[in-house]
Amino acid sequence: MTLSKLPGKGRGHKSLDLRNADVGEAYMKLQQAYMDGQDKGMTPAQLSHKLEHMRPAGADRHLQLAWAIAKKEIFADYELPAAVAPAKPKA
C-alpha cells in the first residue's frame, strides 16, 4: 500500500494520509466496492468508472478531501486506468 501525504496548509491544520481515520475509512469502502466489482467480472475500466463516481453522503470539505486521497491510492494500488471524461459531441 502506498502512502501519500497532503500537508495541511497553515497552522492548526492536520495533514491527511492513509493513517487518517477518514481517509482509511474511505479507502476501505472503495476497496470493498473494487472487490465486489471484481467478483461481478467488471473490467478495469468499469471498476475505474464505478470508483470514480462514489461519493460520501453529506460530505464536508475535509471528508471530500479524504475521499480524493483514498481514490488516488486505490487507483495506484490496483493499477486502475484513470477515469476518462466522455468525449464531447462535435457541433
Protein backbone atom coordinates (compact mmCIF):
# COMPACT_ATOMS: atom_id res chain seq x y z
CA MET A 1 0.00 0.00 0.00
CA THR A 2 1.42 3.35 -0.97
CA LEU A 3 1.34 6.25 1.43
CA SER A 4 0.78 9.72 0.12
CA LYS A 5 0.66 12.81 2.23
CA LEU A 6 -1.13 16.05 1.64
CA PRO A 7 0.24 18.52 4.16
CA GLY A 8 -2.15 20.85 5.91
CA LYS A 9 -1.98 24.49 4.95
CA GLY A 10 -1.21 26.96 7.66
CA ARG A 11 -1.08 26.47 11.37
CA GLY A 12 -3.53 24.23 13.11
CA HIS A 13 -4.41 22.16 10.03
CA LYS A 14 -3.84 18.43 10.15
CA SER A 15 -2.17 16.60 7.33
CA LEU A 16 -4.16 13.84 5.66
CA ASP A 17 -2.68 10.50 4.69
CA LEU A 18 -3.77 6.87 4.88
CA ARG A 19 -3.22 6.91 8.63
CA ASN A 20 -6.01 9.48 8.98
CA ALA A 21 -9.26 7.79 10.10
CA ASP A 22 -11.42 9.45 7.42
CA VAL A 23 -9.02 8.52 4.63
CA GLY A 24 -8.69 4.98 5.95
CA GLU A 25 -12.46 4.55 6.14
CA ALA A 26 -12.91 5.91 2.60
CA TYR A 27 -10.14 3.60 1.34
CA MET A 28 -11.82 0.56 2.90
CA LYS A 29 -15.20 1.43 1.32
CA LEU A 30 -13.57 1.93 -2.08
CA GLN A 31 -11.63 -1.32 -1.68
CA GLN A 32 -14.84 -3.21 -0.86
CA ALA A 33 -16.52 -1.73 -3.96
CA TYR A 34 -13.48 -2.75 -6.01
CA MET A 35 -13.62 -6.33 -4.74
CA ASP A 36 -17.40 -6.52 -5.29
CA GLY A 37 -16.91 -5.31 -8.86
CA GLN A 38 -14.18 -7.88 -9.46
CA ASP A 39 -16.47 -10.63 -8.18
CA LYS A 40 -19.07 -9.49 -10.74
CA GLY A 41 -16.49 -9.67 -13.54
CA MET A 42 -16.17 -5.94 -14.17
CA THR A 43 -13.34 -4.75 -16.40
CA PRO A 44 -10.67 -2.35 -15.07
CA ALA A 45 -12.35 0.50 -17.00
CA GLN A 46 -15.73 -0.34 -15.43
CA LEU A 47 -14.18 -0.56 -11.98
CA SER A 48 -12.45 2.76 -12.53
CA HIS A 49 -15.72 4.40 -13.53
CA LYS A 50 -17.56 2.88 -10.55
CA LEU A 51 -14.95 4.03 -8.02
CA GLU A 52 -14.59 7.49 -9.54
CA HIS A 53 -18.29 8.16 -9.10
CA MET A 54 -18.56 7.03 -5.48
CA ARG A 55 -19.22 9.93 -3.12
CA PRO A 56 -19.61 10.16 0.63
CA ALA A 57 -23.09 11.19 1.75
CA GLY A 58 -23.33 14.68 3.23
CA ALA A 59 -19.61 15.30 2.97
CA ASP A 60 -17.94 18.46 4.18
CA ARG A 61 -14.74 19.74 2.57
CA HIS A 62 -12.50 17.67 4.88
CA LEU A 63 -14.32 14.44 4.06
CA GLN A 64 -14.28 15.20 0.32
CA LEU A 65 -10.51 15.67 0.54
CA ALA A 66 -10.16 12.39 2.45
CA TRP A 67 -12.09 10.58 -0.31
CA ALA A 68 -9.95 12.21 -3.01
CA ILE A 69 -6.80 10.93 -1.29
CA ALA A 70 -8.27 7.45 -0.85
CA LYS A 71 -9.30 7.32 -4.53
CA LYS A 72 -5.81 8.31 -5.61
CA GLU A 73 -4.37 5.49 -3.51
CA ILE A 74 -6.88 2.87 -4.71
CA PHE A 75 -6.20 3.72 -8.34
CA ALA A 76 -2.44 3.47 -7.75
CA ASP A 77 -2.57 0.31 -5.61
CA TYR A 78 -4.75 -1.63 -8.07
CA GLU A 79 -3.25 -0.03 -11.19
CA LEU A 80 -6.63 1.12 -12.45
CA PRO A 81 -6.83 3.34 -15.51
CA ALA A 82 -7.65 6.96 -14.82
CA ALA A 83 -11.31 7.74 -15.37
CA VAL A 84 -11.77 9.41 -18.71
CA ALA A 85 -14.45 12.00 -19.27
CA PRO A 86 -16.81 11.14 -22.12
CA ALA A 87 -15.93 12.84 -25.39
CA LYS A 88 -17.95 15.94 -26.20
CA PRO A 89 -20.01 15.64 -29.36
CA LYS A 90 -18.80 17.77 -32.23
CA ALA A 91 -21.13 20.59 -33.18
